[in-house]
Amino acid sequence: MNITWALLMMALGGVGVPNQGHEADVAAVLQGAMNPPIVAEHTTNPEAALPNGGGTASPAPSPSASPETARIADPQPDAPKVKGIYVTAYSAGGARMETLLALLDKTELNSMVIDIKDDAGYITYKTDNAELQQMGHPQPFIGDINKLMTRLKEHNVYPIARIVVFKDSVLAKKNKELSFVNKDGSVWANKGGDSFVNPYNENVWKYNVDIAKEAVKLGFKEIQFDYVRFPEGFEKRADTLKYTKSDRPRVEIIADFVKYAKAELAPLGVRISVDIFGYAASVPAAEGIGQDFVKISKNVDVISPMVYPSHYSTGWFDVKDPDKDPYATIKGSMVDTHKKLNPLGSYKPVIRPWIQDFTASWLGSGHYVKYGKKQVEDQIRALKDQNIDEFLLWNANNRYTADVKYDQ
């Protein structure tokens, strides 16, 4: 099992398909993964030194400091067994929505994960909330959000709002004090041009949770947080960038955000889910980016590991080319997921993986296959054989394979 490659892919994180234009960024992450500052489960990093030019962060919002109690009952007890698809704001607000609704109408699919705050940081609909307008940059990719919600209800679609949290170029550039700043005063960006906001900053927490609260008012039944992490390779620049920081280690800060979001949103009757890279179930916690599979899972209703076969390298689960054997790859990832989460007992969340409905041609000849009906069904069958009956399909272009039997 290639642990170095696993840590690389965890660092890249986020739902989606790799962007081949980011080779330099990938190389930097791989170099950092050779000697990663990782810790075992349930341990913390004692590092407490402030970065150069740092300062201390404001105290975290009070819910994160509250003592842990038993898991609250599922706020959506009547929710269906979710079988869903990813839908961009462009699709949700455009003509493609007709095709996607028709797909759900005629199949066992019953849910849509829709971008409400996207990968760039744009709020994707017109909001009348003055504070959100001031903090962010709403763009009406979804022209009439209320009309959209009505259509979803008419088609009996279980609506999930996707909110990209700490990857947020819009907020970082508009409010650089909420981000990471270079020595020359500019906002830090990765090789792909993406900026992140600072997970230590409670104003960032509140901003994202306020967007989530508005999504609940609009009618979304679940909030799915993505990019719940620090930037890739952050451990290499943690002491050179300027940003506010407390004495709590990164894995604790990310877990604190999730706990805060859960405390704020659970009383509204909405489920909380978090996307996390699939490798997180198979390796120790990634202190560099602040992700610990167990700590995050303990504080959500649903955990969605991204277990795309194309994202596993040679040797994982005794498979030479994981992309070419989706059944074995998904089965192995779910075995590891159960092992990781079973000790949580009553805290174990619903496991609802993201699976692959795209072709990973960038892997090169001989290392991938064209994904179609058989490959998608093999993944669903593997989940079913591991007692997982919920899943989400990812295709960045929202073009999903026809004639798939989703009810294995």
Foldseek 3Di string as FASTA:
>chain_A
DDQLLLQLLQQQFWDDDDDPVQVVLSVLLSVCSVDFPFDFPPDFDQDQDAAVQAAAADDAPPLLVDDDDFDDPQLCPPDDQAAAEEDELLCLQDPVVVVVLVVVLPAVHAAYAYECQDLQGERQCDDPPPVLVLQFPHDPSNDDLLVSLVVSVVSNHQYEYEHEAFFYNGNCQSPVQQFWAAPVGHFDDGPVRITTGDLQYNVSLVSRLVSVVVVVVSPHQEYEYTNLWAHRPQVVCRRGIYYHHGRGALLSSSLSSLSVSLVVCVVSSHFYEYEGALSLLVDGARSNTNHHPASNLLRGQEYAHAQEQQSDAAPQLHHRQSQVQVLSSLLSSLVSNCVSQVVSPSSGHQYAYEYEFAWNCVVDPPRHDGDAQVNVQSNLVSCVVSVHLHYYYYDPVPDGHPPHRSRD
